[in-house]
Protein backbone atom coordinates (compact mmCIF):
# COMPACT_ATOMS: atom_id res chain seq x y z
CA UNK A 1 -30.81 -20.55 -30.51
CA UNK A 2 -28.14 -17.83 -32.28
CA UNK A 3 -29.29 -15.56 -35.48
CA UNK A 4 -27.05 -14.48 -37.75
CA UNK A 5 -26.74 -10.48 -38.38
CA UNK A 6 -28.32 -9.58 -41.66
CA UNK A 7 -29.48 -7.00 -43.39
CA UNK A 8 -32.60 -7.21 -44.80
CA UNK A 9 -35.71 -4.72 -46.54
CA UNK A 10 -33.39 -3.43 -48.74
CA UNK A 11 -34.65 -0.12 -50.66
CA UNK A 12 -33.21 -0.03 -53.61
CA UNK A 13 -34.45 2.85 -54.72
CA UNK A 14 -33.50 4.79 -51.26
CA UNK A 15 -30.40 2.23 -50.58
CA UNK A 16 -31.50 2.15 -47.05
CA UNK A 17 -31.68 -1.52 -45.53
CA UNK A 18 -32.52 -3.12 -41.87
CA UNK A 19 -30.09 -4.60 -39.76
CA UNK A 20 -31.61 -7.54 -37.32
CA UNK A 21 -29.98 -9.53 -34.92
CA UNK A 22 -30.39 -12.22 -32.19
CA UNK A 23 -28.34 -13.81 -30.47
CA UNK A 24 -28.64 -16.81 -27.62
CA UNK A 25 -28.07 -15.96 -24.24
CA UNK A 26 -25.46 -18.56 -23.59
CA UNK A 27 -23.59 -15.83 -25.98
CA UNK A 28 -24.89 -12.44 -24.25
CA UNK A 29 -21.48 -10.69 -22.99
CA UNK A 30 -19.00 -12.42 -25.31
CA UNK A 31 -18.51 -9.94 -27.62
CA UNK A 32 -19.63 -12.20 -30.56
CA UNK A 33 -22.36 -9.98 -31.58
CA UNK A 34 -20.16 -7.10 -32.09
CA UNK A 35 -17.44 -8.89 -33.97
CA UNK A 36 -20.34 -10.12 -36.54
CA UNK A 37 -22.33 -7.03 -36.54
CA UNK A 38 -19.23 -4.91 -37.43
CA UNK A 39 -18.22 -7.25 -40.44
CA UNK A 40 -22.08 -6.75 -42.08
CA UNK A 41 -22.36 -3.60 -41.48
CA UNK A 42 -18.53 -2.75 -43.19
CA UNK A 43 -20.14 -5.31 -46.05
CA UNK A 44 -23.24 -2.90 -46.65
CA UNK A 45 -22.03 0.12 -46.61
CA UNK A 46 -18.55 -1.01 -48.55
CA UNK A 47 -19.52 -3.92 -51.22
CA UNK A 48 -23.24 -3.06 -51.58
CA UNK A 49 -23.08 0.62 -51.61
CA UNK A 50 -25.48 1.39 -48.64
CA UNK A 51 -26.29 4.82 -47.84
CA UNK A 52 -28.30 4.27 -44.72
CA UNK A 53 -28.54 1.09 -42.07
CA UNK A 54 -31.45 1.21 -39.68
CA UNK A 55 -31.55 -0.42 -36.41
CA UNK A 56 -35.03 -1.05 -34.34
CA UNK A 57 -35.13 -2.44 -30.66
CA UNK A 58 -37.25 -2.44 -28.03
CA UNK A 59 -37.21 -0.20 -25.85
CA UNK A 60 -36.96 -2.02 -22.92
CA UNK A 61 -33.98 -4.18 -24.04
CA UNK A 62 -31.10 -1.78 -22.54
CA UNK A 63 -28.37 -4.03 -23.62
CA UNK A 64 -29.44 -4.13 -27.42
CA UNK A 65 -29.53 -0.65 -27.58
CA UNK A 66 -26.36 -0.36 -25.63
CA UNK A 67 -24.61 -2.75 -28.04
CA UNK A 68 -26.12 -0.80 -31.07
CA UNK A 69 -25.38 2.89 -29.66
CA UNK A 70 -21.53 1.16 -29.33
CA UNK A 71 -21.53 0.64 -32.97
CA UNK A 72 -22.58 4.09 -33.93
CA UNK A 73 -26.33 4.01 -34.06
């Protein structure tokens, strides 16, 4: 199952959100995550006026770590 990239746990006081995602294995390596994440992140900063977006991933999930690092996290 593929989950959309989302912004959640929005703090209006601090203008901070968490960025969450999930992707079915058959979509890994296709660029789908990077493309969708880029749109969601830009929307958060530009349209919602968010000041900070946080991403959490498991320390053992190297593919996820590399993917979010490419996005600037």
